[in-house]
Amino acid sequence: MWRSAFAWADQRKRDQIEQVVARADRARNDRLAVGRIVAAVVETLGRPARPFDLTITTLPVAGTWTHRPDEHQVLVSEALRADPATLGDVLRPVLGELA
């Protein structure tokens, strides 16, 4: 059973590495999407953005969902976070207030 156990462990390591790479790719794409939304808001404002703090937290809830518990935090569902157009619709007014 040692060979089977080592084969399983090796495959599990590969799976975990693939998951880490996929999360890093998603995080990079998220940063780019949010960066584009901020750039669009700044262009609309016609001035540079003021320094601001905004935390976007993605929650594993069903459907397209968002909630803003306070001025500097937005909660979004995974489905909303995965849709750049809808994310933009949610974040533009928030960023317009903060920036």
PDB file of N, CA and C in Angstrom:
ATOM      1  N   MET A   1       0.808  -1.207   0.000  1.00  0.00           N
ATOM      2  CA  MET A   1       0.000   0.000   0.000  1.00  0.00           C
ATOM      3  C   MET A   1       0.850   1.269   0.000  1.00  0.00           C
ATOM      4  N   TRP A   2       2.162   1.128   0.268  1.00  0.00           N
ATOM      5  CA  TRP A   2       3.009   2.309   0.301  1.00  0.00           C
ATOM      6  C   TRP A   2       2.980   3.039  -1.037  1.00  0.00           C
ATOM      7  N   ARG A   3       3.090   2.282  -2.121  1.00  0.00           N
ATOM      8  CA  ARG A   3       3.104   2.923  -3.448  1.00  0.00           C
ATOM      9  C   ARG A   3       1.799   3.673  -3.700  1.00  0.00           C
ATOM     10  N   SER A   4       0.711   3.062  -3.350  1.00  0.00           N
ATOM     11  CA  SER A   4      -0.590   3.722  -3.522  1.00  0.00           C
ATOM     12  C   SER A   4      -0.672   4.978  -2.656  1.00  0.00           C
ATOM     13  N   ALA A   5      -0.186   4.876  -1.427  1.00  0.00           N
ATOM     14  CA  ALA A   5      -0.226   6.025  -0.524  1.00  0.00           C
ATOM     15  C   ALA A   5       0.635   7.165  -1.051  1.00  0.00           C
ATOM     16  N   PHE A   6       1.836   6.845  -1.528  1.00  0.00           N
ATOM     17  CA  PHE A   6       2.714   7.887  -2.070  1.00  0.00           C
ATOM     18  C   PHE A   6       2.132   8.490  -3.345  1.00  0.00           C
ATOM     19  N   ALA A   7       1.545   7.661  -4.182  1.00  0.00           N
ATOM     20  CA  ALA A   7       0.918   8.168  -5.412  1.00  0.00           C
ATOM     21  C   ALA A   7      -0.225   9.123  -5.070  1.00  0.00           C
ATOM     22  N   TRP A   8      -1.033   8.742  -4.071  1.00  0.00           N
ATOM     23  CA  TRP A   8      -2.137   9.602  -3.655  1.00  0.00           C
ATOM     24  C   TRP A   8      -1.607  10.926  -3.104  1.00  0.00           C
ATOM     25  N   ALA A   9      -0.574  10.855  -2.257  1.00  0.00           N
ATOM     26  CA  ALA A   9      -0.005  12.064  -1.658  1.00  0.00           C
ATOM     27  C   ALA A   9       0.587  12.979  -2.730  1.00  0.00           C
ATOM     28  N   ASP A  10       1.270  12.402  -3.709  1.00  0.00           N
ATOM     29  CA  ASP A  10       1.830  13.207  -4.800  1.00  0.00           C
ATOM     30  C   ASP A  10       0.725  13.902  -5.584  1.00  0.00           C
ATOM     31  N   GLN A  11      -0.347  13.189  -5.880  1.00  0.00           N
ATOM     32  CA  GLN A  11      -1.461  13.793  -6.616  1.00  0.00           C
ATOM     33  C   GLN A  11      -2.114  14.889  -5.785  1.00  0.00           C
ATOM     34  N   ARG A  12      -2.253  14.656  -4.505  1.00  0.00           N
ATOM     35  CA  ARG A  12      -2.854  15.660  -3.617  1.00  0.00           C
ATOM     36  C   ARG A  12      -2.016  16.933  -3.595  1.00  0.00           C
ATOM     37  N   LYS A  13      -0.687  16.787  -3.570  1.00  0.00           N
ATOM     38  CA  LYS A  13       0.198  17.957  -3.613  1.00  0.00           C
ATOM     39  C   LYS A  13      -0.012  18.728  -4.909  1.00  0.00           C
ATOM     40  N   ARG A  14      -0.086  18.008  -6.031  1.00  0.00           N
ATOM     41  CA  ARG A  14      -0.314  18.682  -7.319  1.00  0.00           C
ATOM     42  C   ARG A  14      -1.653  19.420  -7.322  1.00  0.00           C
ATOM     43  N   ASP A  15      -2.684  18.769  -6.781  1.00  0.00           N
ATOM     44  CA  ASP A  15      -4.004  19.404  -6.710  1.00  0.00           C
ATOM     45  C   ASP A  15      -3.954  20.685  -5.875  1.00  0.00           C
ATOM     46  N   GLN A  16      -3.253  20.626  -4.743  1.00  0.00           N
ATOM     47  CA  GLN A  16      -3.151  21.799  -3.880  1.00  0.00           C
ATOM     48  C   GLN A  16      -2.383  22.925  -4.565  1.00  0.00           C
ATOM     49  N   ILE A  17      -1.325  22.593  -5.274  1.00  0.00           N
ATOM     50  CA  ILE A  17      -0.563  23.606  -6.006  1.00  0.00           C
ATOM     51  C   ILE A  17      -1.439  24.247  -7.076  1.00  0.00           C
ATOM     52  N   GLU A  18      -2.211  23.448  -7.796  1.00  0.00           N
ATOM     53  CA  GLU A  18      -3.117  23.989  -8.818  1.00  0.00           C
ATOM     54  C   GLU A  18      -4.153  24.916  -8.194  1.00  0.00           C
ATOM     55  N   GLN A  19      -4.641  24.568  -7.010  1.00  0.00           N
ATOM     56  CA  GLN A  19      -5.616  25.419  -6.328  1.00  0.00           C
ATOM     57  C   GLN A  19      -4.995  26.751  -5.918  1.00  0.00           C
ATOM     58  N   VAL A  20      -3.772  26.718  -5.438  1.00  0.00           N
ATOM     59  CA  VAL A  20      -3.083  27.952  -5.050  1.00  0.00           C
ATOM     60  C   VAL A  20      -2.873  28.840  -6.269  1.00  0.00           C
ATOM     61  N   VAL A  21      -2.446  28.262  -7.376  1.00  0.00           N
ATOM     62  CA  VAL A  21      -2.234  29.033  -8.608  1.00  0.00           C
ATOM     63  C   VAL A  21      -3.555  29.611  -9.099  1.00  0.00           C
ATOM     64  N   ALA A  22      -4.624  28.826  -9.058  1.00  0.00           N
ATOM     65  CA  ALA A  22      -5.934  29.310  -9.502  1.00  0.00           C
ATOM     66  C   ALA A  22      -6.413  30.468  -8.625  1.00  0.00           C
ATOM     67  N   ARG A  23      -6.218  30.360  -7.302  1.00  0.00           N
ATOM     68  CA  ARG A  23      -6.608  31.460  -6.403  1.00  0.00           C
ATOM     69  C   ARG A  23      -5.792  32.717  -6.699  1.00  0.00           C
ATOM     70  N   ALA A  24      -4.515  32.550  -6.970  1.00  0.00           N
ATOM     71  CA  ALA A  24      -3.666  33.704  -7.293  1.00  0.00           C
ATOM     72  C   ALA A  24      -4.120  34.347  -8.595  1.00  0.00           C
ATOM     73  N   ASP A  25      -4.481  33.542  -9.578  1.00  0.00           N
ATOM     74  CA  ASP A  25      -4.990  34.083 -10.849  1.00  0.00           C
ATOM     75  C   ASP A  25      -6.294  34.847 -10.641  1.00  0.00           C
ATOM     76  N   ARG A  26      -7.198  34.277  -9.832  1.00  0.00           N
ATOM     77  CA  ARG A  26      -8.468  34.965  -9.555  1.00  0.00           C
ATOM     78  C   ARG A  26      -8.221  36.278  -8.818  1.00  0.00           C
ATOM     79  N   ALA A  27      -7.316  36.260  -7.855  1.00  0.00           N
ATOM     80  CA  ALA A  27      -7.010  37.476  -7.092  1.00  0.00           C
ATOM     81  C   ALA A  27      -6.447  38.550  -8.017  1.00  0.00           C
ATOM     82  N   ARG A  28      -5.564  38.170  -8.923  1.00  0.00           N
ATOM     83  CA  ARG A  28      -4.993  39.128  -9.877  1.00  0.00           C
ATOM     84  C   ARG A  28      -6.094  39.696 -10.769  1.00  0.00           C
ATOM     85  N   ASN A  29      -6.958  38.829 -11.289  1.00  0.00           N
ATOM     86  CA  ASN A  29      -8.053  39.293 -12.140  1.00  0.00           C
ATOM     87  C   ASN A  29      -9.002  40.208 -11.370  1.00  0.00           C
ATOM     88  N   ASP A  30      -9.255  39.891 -10.097  1.00  0.00           N
ATOM     89  CA  ASP A  30     -10.096  40.747  -9.260  1.00  0.00           C
ATOM     90  C   ASP A  30      -9.466  42.130  -9.096  1.00  0.00           C
ATOM     91  N   ARG A  31      -8.158  42.160  -8.817  1.00  0.00           N
ATOM     92  CA  ARG A  31      -7.474  43.450  -8.652  1.00  0.00           C
ATOM     93  C   ARG A  31      -7.550  44.263  -9.938  1.00  0.00           C
ATOM     94  N   LEU A  32      -7.373  43.601 -11.071  1.00  0.00           N
ATOM     95  CA  LEU A  32      -7.451  44.316 -12.351  1.00  0.00           C
ATOM     96  C   LEU A  32      -8.858  44.859 -12.587  1.00  0.00           C
ATOM     97  N   ALA A  33      -9.878  44.047 -12.296  1.00  0.00           N
ATOM     98  CA  ALA A  33     -11.263  44.487 -12.495  1.00  0.00           C
ATOM     99  C   ALA A  33     -11.580  45.675 -11.599  1.00  0.00           C
ATOM    100  N   VAL A  34     -11.210  45.592 -10.332  1.00  0.00           N
ATOM    101  CA  VAL A  34     -11.469  46.695  -9.404  1.00  0.00           C
ATOM    102  C   VAL A  34     -10.664  47.923  -9.823  1.00  0.00           C
ATOM    103  N   GLY A  35      -9.448  47.729 -10.276  1.00  0.00           N
ATOM    104  CA  GLY A  35      -8.630  48.845 -10.765  1.00  0.00           C
ATOM    105  C   GLY A  35      -9.285  49.554 -11.938  1.00  0.00           C
ATOM    106  N   ARG A  36      -9.878  48.775 -12.846  1.00  0.00           N
ATOM    107  CA  ARG A  36     -10.577  49.384 -13.998  1.00  0.00           C
ATOM    108  C   ARG A  36     -11.798  50.168 -13.525  1.00  0.00           C
ATOM    109  N   ILE A  37     -12.511  49.648 -12.537  1.00  0.00           N
ATOM    110  CA  ILE A  37     -13.687  50.343 -12.011  1.00  0.00           C
ATOM    111  C   ILE A  37     -13.257  51.651 -11.350  1.00  0.00           C
ATOM    112  N   VAL A  38     -12.196  51.616 -10.556  1.00  0.00           N
ATOM    113  CA  VAL A  38     -11.685  52.835  -9.920  1.00  0.00           C
ATOM    114  C   VAL A  38     -11.277  53.844 -10.983  1.00  0.00           C
ATOM    115  N   ALA A  39     -10.579  53.394 -12.022  1.00  0.00           N
ATOM    116  CA  ALA A  39     -10.155  54.305 -13.099  1.00  0.00           C
ATOM    117  C   ALA A  39     -11.360  54.952 -13.781  1.00  0.00           C
ATOM    118  N   ALA A  40     -12.421  54.187 -13.988  1.00  0.00           N
ATOM    119  CA  ALA A  40     -13.632  54.740 -14.612  1.00  0.00           C
ATOM    120  C   ALA A  40     -14.285  55.778 -13.705  1.00  0.00           C
ATOM    121  N   VAL A  41     -14.320  55.512 -12.409  1.00  0.00           N
ATOM    122  CA  VAL A  41     -14.908  56.469 -11.462  1.00  0.00           C
ATOM    123  C   VAL A  41     -14.078  57.746 -11.441  1.00  0.00           C
ATOM    124  N   VAL A  42     -12.759  57.616 -11.395  1.00  0.00           N
ATOM    125  CA  VAL A  42     -11.873  58.788 -11.383  1.00  0.00           C
ATOM    126  C   VAL A  42     -12.069  59.611 -12.651  1.00  0.00           C
ATOM    127  N   GLU A  43     -12.204  58.932 -13.780  1.00  0.00           N
ATOM    128  CA  GLU A  43     -12.432  59.647 -15.039  1.00  0.00           C
ATOM    129  C   GLU A  43     -13.754  60.409 -14.987  1.00  0.00           C
ATOM    130  N   THR A  44     -14.781  59.782 -14.439  1.00  0.00           N
ATOM    131  CA  THR A  44     -16.084  60.438 -14.312  1.00  0.00           C
ATOM    132  C   THR A  44     -15.996  61.649 -13.376  1.00  0.00           C
ATOM    133  N   LEU A  45     -15.234  61.493 -12.275  1.00  0.00           N
ATOM    134  CA  LEU A  45     -15.086  62.602 -11.330  1.00  0.00           C
ATOM    135  C   LEU A  45     -14.295  63.758 -11.925  1.00  0.00           C
ATOM    136  N   GLY A  46     -13.411  63.456 -12.865  1.00  0.00           N
ATOM    137  CA  GLY A  46     -12.602  64.498 -13.496  1.00  0.00           C
ATOM    138  C   GLY A  46     -11.485  65.028 -12.603  1.00  0.00           C
ATOM    139  N   ARG A  47     -11.103  64.224 -11.637  1.00  0.00           N
ATOM    140  CA  ARG A  47     -10.012  64.616 -10.739  1.00  0.00           C
ATOM    141  C   ARG A  47      -9.386  63.341 -10.186  1.00  0.00           C
ATOM    142  N   PRO A  48      -8.174  63.477  -9.623  1.00  0.00           N
ATOM    143  CA  PRO A  48      -7.572  62.296  -9.006  1.00  0.00           C
ATOM    144  C   PRO A  48      -8.378  61.837  -7.797  1.00  0.00           C
ATOM    145  N   ALA A  49      -8.295  60.562  -7.513  1.00  0.00           N
ATOM    146  CA  ALA A  49      -8.991  60.021  -6.343  1.00  0.00           C
ATOM    147  C   ALA A  49      -8.291  60.458  -5.065  1.00  0.00           C
ATOM    148  N   ARG A  50      -9.094  60.746  -4.046  1.00  0.00           N
ATOM    149  CA  ARG A  50      -8.537  60.964  -2.712  1.00  0.00           C
ATOM    150  C   ARG A  50      -8.156  59.596  -2.156  1.00  0.00           C
ATOM    151  N   PRO A  51      -7.235  59.558  -1.222  1.00  0.00           N
ATOM    152  CA  PRO A  51      -6.947  58.270  -0.576  1.00  0.00           C
ATOM    153  C   PRO A  51      -8.221  57.740   0.104  1.00  0.00           C
ATOM    154  N   PHE A  52      -8.467  56.452  -0.066  1.00  0.00           N
ATOM    155  CA  PHE A  52      -9.642  55.857   0.566  1.00  0.00           C
ATOM    156  C   PHE A  52      -9.340  54.422   0.954  1.00  0.00           C
ATOM    157  N   ASP A  53     -10.191  53.903   1.818  1.00  0.00           N
ATOM    158  CA  ASP A  53     -10.065  52.528   2.291  1.00  0.00           C
ATOM    159  C   ASP A  53     -11.394  51.831   2.042  1.00  0.00           C
ATOM    160  N   LEU A  54     -11.352  50.725   1.312  1.00  0.00           N
ATOM    161  CA  LEU A  54     -12.558  49.943   1.052  1.00  0.00           C
ATOM    162  C   LEU A  54     -12.183  48.469   1.090  1.00  0.00           C
ATOM    163  N   THR A  55     -12.890  47.723   1.893  1.00  0.00           N
ATOM    164  CA  THR A  55     -12.701  46.279   1.961  1.00  0.00           C
ATOM    165  C   THR A  55     -13.860  45.611   1.247  1.00  0.00           C
ATOM    166  N   ILE A  56     -13.533  44.772   0.279  1.00  0.00           N
ATOM    167  CA  ILE A  56     -14.541  43.995  -0.442  1.00  0.00           C
ATOM    168  C   ILE A  56     -14.381  42.556   0.011  1.00  0.00           C
ATOM    169  N   THR A  57     -15.404  42.027   0.651  1.00  0.00           N
ATOM    170  CA  THR A  57     -15.365  40.662   1.167  1.00  0.00           C
ATOM    171  C   THR A  57     -16.318  39.801   0.357  1.00  0.00           C
ATOM    172  N   THR A  58     -15.805  38.699  -0.150  1.00  0.00           N
ATOM    173  CA  THR A  58     -16.617  37.767  -0.929  1.00  0.00           C
ATOM    174  C   THR A  58     -17.084  36.642  -0.026  1.00  0.00           C
ATOM    175  N   LEU A  59     -18.395  36.421  -0.026  1.00  0.00           N
ATOM    176  CA  LEU A  59     -18.996  35.391   0.818  1.00  0.00           C
ATOM    177  C   LEU A  59     -19.600  34.281  -0.042  1.00  0.00           C
ATOM    178  N   PRO A  60     -19.533  33.048   0.430  1.00  0.00           N
ATOM    179  CA  PRO A  60     -20.093  31.924  -0.334  1.00  0.00           C
ATOM    180  C   PRO A  60     -21.601  31.781  -0.105  1.00  0.00           C
ATOM    181  N   VAL A  61     -22.346  32.747  -0.629  1.00  0.00           N
ATOM    182  CA  VAL A  61     -23.806  32.705  -0.509  1.00  0.00           C
ATOM    183  C   VAL A  61     -24.405  32.522  -1.900  1.00  0.00           C
ATOM    184  N   ALA A  62     -25.621  32.027  -1.939  1.00  0.00           N
ATOM    185  CA  ALA A  62     -26.281  31.746  -3.215  1.00  0.00           C
ATOM    186  C   ALA A  62     -26.704  33.034  -3.908  1.00  0.00           C
ATOM    187  N   GLY A  63     -26.624  33.015  -5.223  1.00  0.00           N
ATOM    188  CA  GLY A  63     -27.130  34.099  -6.035  1.00  0.00           C
ATOM    189  C   GLY A  63     -26.235  35.315  -6.086  1.00  0.00           C
ATOM    190  N   THR A  64     -26.766  36.355  -6.708  1.00  0.00           N
ATOM    191  CA  THR A  64     -26.064  37.627  -6.819  1.00  0.00           C
ATOM    192  C   THR A  64     -26.549  38.499  -5.672  1.00  0.00           C
ATOM    193  N   TRP A  65     -25.644  38.767  -4.747  1.00  0.00           N
ATOM    194  CA  TRP A  65     -26.019  39.403  -3.487  1.00  0.00           C
ATOM    195  C   TRP A  65     -24.951  40.399  -3.077  1.00  0.00           C
ATOM    196  N   THR A  66     -25.385  41.503  -2.472  1.00  0.00           N
ATOM    197  CA  THR A  66     -24.452  42.502  -1.946  1.00  0.00           C
ATOM    198  C   THR A  66     -25.046  43.157  -0.707  1.00  0.00           C
ATOM    199  N   HIS A  67     -24.167  43.598   0.150  1.00  0.00           N
ATOM    200  CA  HIS A  67     -24.585  44.302   1.361  1.00  0.00           C
ATOM    201  C   HIS A  67     -23.444  45.239   1.761  1.00  0.00           C
ATOM    202  N   ARG A  68     -23.797  46.414   2.237  1.00  0.00           N
ATOM    203  CA  ARG A  68     -22.785  47.383   2.668  1.00  0.00           C
ATOM    204  C   ARG A  68     -23.004  47.682   4.147  1.00  0.00           C
ATOM    205  N   PRO A  69     -22.312  46.951   5.029  1.00  0.00           N
ATOM    206  CA  PRO A  69     -22.538  47.136   6.464  1.00  0.00           C
ATOM    207  C   PRO A  69     -22.033  48.461   7.012  1.00  0.00           C
ATOM    208  N   ASP A  70     -21.030  49.033   6.347  1.00  0.00           N
ATOM    209  CA  ASP A  70     -20.563  50.362   6.752  1.00  0.00           C
ATOM    210  C   ASP A  70     -19.904  51.041   5.560  1.00  0.00           C
ATOM    211  N   GLU A  71     -19.472  52.266   5.790  1.00  0.00           N
ATOM    212  CA  GLU A  71     -18.941  53.103   4.708  1.00  0.00           C
ATOM    213  C   GLU A  71     -17.736  52.494   3.998  1.00  0.00           C
ATOM    214  N   HIS A  72     -16.939  51.711   4.711  1.00  0.00           N
ATOM    215  CA  HIS A  72     -15.680  51.216   4.154  1.00  0.00           C
ATOM    216  C   HIS A  72     -15.674  49.717   3.902  1.00  0.00           C
ATOM    217  N   GLN A  73     -16.852  49.105   3.839  1.00  0.00           N
ATOM    218  CA  GLN A  73     -16.910  47.671   3.602  1.00  0.00           C
ATOM    219  C   GLN A  73     -18.096  47.315   2.726  1.00  0.00           C
ATOM    220  N   VAL A  74     -17.839  46.427   1.769  1.00  0.00           N
ATOM    221  CA  VAL A  74     -18.889  45.897   0.908  1.00  0.00           C
ATOM    222  C   VAL A  74     -18.780  44.376   0.951  1.00  0.00           C
ATOM    223  N   LEU A  75     -19.895  43.728   1.196  1.00  0.00           N
ATOM    224  CA  LEU A  75     -19.972  42.271   1.150  1.00  0.00           C
ATOM    225  C   LEU A  75     -20.633  41.882  -0.159  1.00  0.00           C
ATOM    226  N   VAL A  76     -20.053  40.916  -0.861  1.00  0.00           N
ATOM    227  CA  VAL A  76     -20.616  40.472  -2.136  1.00  0.00           C
ATOM    228  C   VAL A  76     -20.617  38.951  -2.191  1.00  0.00           C
ATOM    229  N   SER A  77     -21.519  38.414  -2.997  1.00  0.00           N
ATOM    230  CA  SER A  77     -21.548  36.971  -3.211  1.00  0.00           C
ATOM    231  C   SER A  77     -20.477  36.589  -4.234  1.00  0.00           C
ATOM    232  N   GLU A  78     -20.156  35.298  -4.268  1.00  0.00           N
ATOM    233  CA  GLU A  78     -19.183  34.808  -5.245  1.00  0.00           C
ATOM    234  C   GLU A  78     -19.667  35.073  -6.671  1.00  0.00           C
ATOM    235  N   ALA A  79     -20.975  34.908  -6.909  1.00  0.00           N
ATOM    236  CA  ALA A  79     -21.527  35.132  -8.248  1.00  0.00           C
ATOM    237  C   ALA A  79     -21.363  36.589  -8.670  1.00  0.00           C
ATOM    238  N   LEU A  80     -21.604  37.503  -7.751  1.00  0.00           N
ATOM    239  CA  LEU A  80     -21.444  38.921  -8.070  1.00  0.00           C
ATOM    240  C   LEU A  80     -19.973  39.243  -8.328  1.00  0.00           C
ATOM    241  N   ARG A  81     -19.095  38.719  -7.522  1.00  0.00           N
ATOM    242  CA  ARG A  81     -17.660  38.987  -7.673  1.00  0.00           C
ATOM    243  C   ARG A  81     -17.143  38.458  -9.005  1.00  0.00           C
ATOM    244  N   ALA A  82     -17.741  37.375  -9.492  1.00  0.00           N
ATOM    245  CA  ALA A  82     -17.297  36.766 -10.741  1.00  0.00           C
ATOM    246  C   ALA A  82     -17.826  37.493 -11.979  1.00  0.00           C
ATOM    247  N   ASP A  83     -18.743  38.431 -11.793  1.00  0.00           N
ATOM    248  CA  ASP A  83     -19.336  39.165 -12.923  1.00  0.00           C
ATOM    249  C   ASP A  83     -18.840  40.609 -12.893  1.00  0.00           C
ATOM    250  N   PRO A  84     -17.821  40.936 -13.714  1.00  0.00           N
ATOM    251  CA  PRO A  84     -17.238  42.279 -13.660  1.00  0.00           C
ATOM    252  C   PRO A  84     -18.244  43.406 -13.912  1.00  0.00           C
ATOM    253  N   ALA A  85     -19.206  43.191 -14.795  1.00  0.00           N
ATOM    254  CA  ALA A  85     -20.177  44.246 -15.089  1.00  0.00           C
ATOM    255  C   ALA A  85     -21.046  44.540 -13.866  1.00  0.00           C
ATOM    256  N   THR A  86     -21.553  43.510 -13.226  1.00  0.00           N
ATOM    257  CA  THR A  86     -22.390  43.699 -12.047  1.00  0.00           C
ATOM    258  C   THR A  86     -21.574  44.237 -10.874  1.00  0.00           C
ATOM    259  N   LEU A  87     -20.344  43.742 -10.729  1.00  0.00           N
ATOM    260  CA  LEU A  87     -19.465  44.268  -9.688  1.00  0.00           C
ATOM    261  C   LEU A  87     -19.251  45.762  -9.898  1.00  0.00           C
ATOM    262  N   GLY A  88     -19.059  46.161 -11.135  1.00  0.00           N
ATOM    263  CA  GLY A  88     -18.904  47.585 -11.447  1.00  0.00           C
ATOM    264  C   GLY A  88     -20.134  48.380 -11.072  1.00  0.00           C
ATOM    265  N   ASP A  89     -21.313  47.832 -11.370  1.00  0.00           N
ATOM    266  CA  ASP A  89     -22.568  48.522 -11.017  1.00  0.00           C
ATOM    267  C   ASP A  89     -22.674  48.733  -9.509  1.00  0.00           C
ATOM    268  N   VAL A  90     -22.195  47.766  -8.739  1.00  0.00           N
ATOM    269  CA  VAL A  90     -22.256  47.865  -7.277  1.00  0.00           C
ATOM    270  C   VAL A  90     -21.191  48.827  -6.747  1.00  0.00           C
ATOM    271  N   LEU A  91     -19.976  48.732  -7.288  1.00  0.00           N
ATOM    272  CA  LEU A  91     -18.871  49.496  -6.727  1.00  0.00           C
ATOM    273  C   LEU A  91     -18.791  50.951  -7.176  1.00  0.00           C
ATOM    274  N   ARG A  92     -19.286  51.264  -8.374  1.00  0.00           N
ATOM    275  CA  ARG A  92     -19.159  52.655  -8.860  1.00  0.00           C
ATOM    276  C   ARG A  92     -19.750  53.672  -7.894  1.00  0.00           C
ATOM    277  N   PRO A  93     -20.975  53.509  -7.402  1.00  0.00           N
ATOM    278  CA  PRO A  93     -21.484  54.528  -6.457  1.00  0.00           C
ATOM    279  C   PRO A  93     -20.710  54.560  -5.137  1.00  0.00           C
ATOM    280  N   VAL A  94     -20.264  53.402  -4.677  1.00  0.00           N
ATOM    281  CA  VAL A  94     -19.496  53.349  -3.435  1.00  0.00           C
ATOM    282  C   VAL A  94     -18.174  54.094  -3.623  1.00  0.00           C
ATOM    283  N   LEU A  95     -17.491  53.808  -4.706  1.00  0.00           N
ATOM    284  CA  LEU A  95     -16.218  54.458  -4.972  1.00  0.00           C
ATOM    285  C   LEU A  95     -16.395  55.949  -5.251  1.00  0.00           C
ATOM    286  N   GLY A  96     -17.512  56.311  -5.879  1.00  0.00           N
ATOM    287  CA  GLY A  96     -17.785  57.724  -6.106  1.00  0.00           C
ATOM    288  C   GLY A  96     -17.885  58.500  -4.801  1.00  0.00           C
ATOM    289  N   GLU A  97     -18.444  57.886  -3.770  1.00  0.00           N
ATOM    290  CA  GLU A  97     -18.520  58.526  -2.454  1.00  0.00           C
ATOM    291  C   GLU A  97     -17.156  58.625  -1.789  1.00  0.00           C
ATOM    292  N   LEU A  98     -16.365  57.553  -1.904  1.00  0.00           N
ATOM    293  CA  LEU A  98     -15.100  57.484  -1.170  1.00  0.00           C
ATOM    294  C   LEU A  98     -13.962  58.218  -1.861  1.00  0.00           C
ATOM    295  N   ALA A  99     -13.936  58.157  -3.186  1.00  0.00           N
ATOM    296  CA  ALA A  99     -12.815  58.738  -3.927  1.00  0.00           C
ATOM    297  C   ALA A  99     -13.018  60.206  -4.118  1.00  0.00           C
TER     298      ALA A  99
END
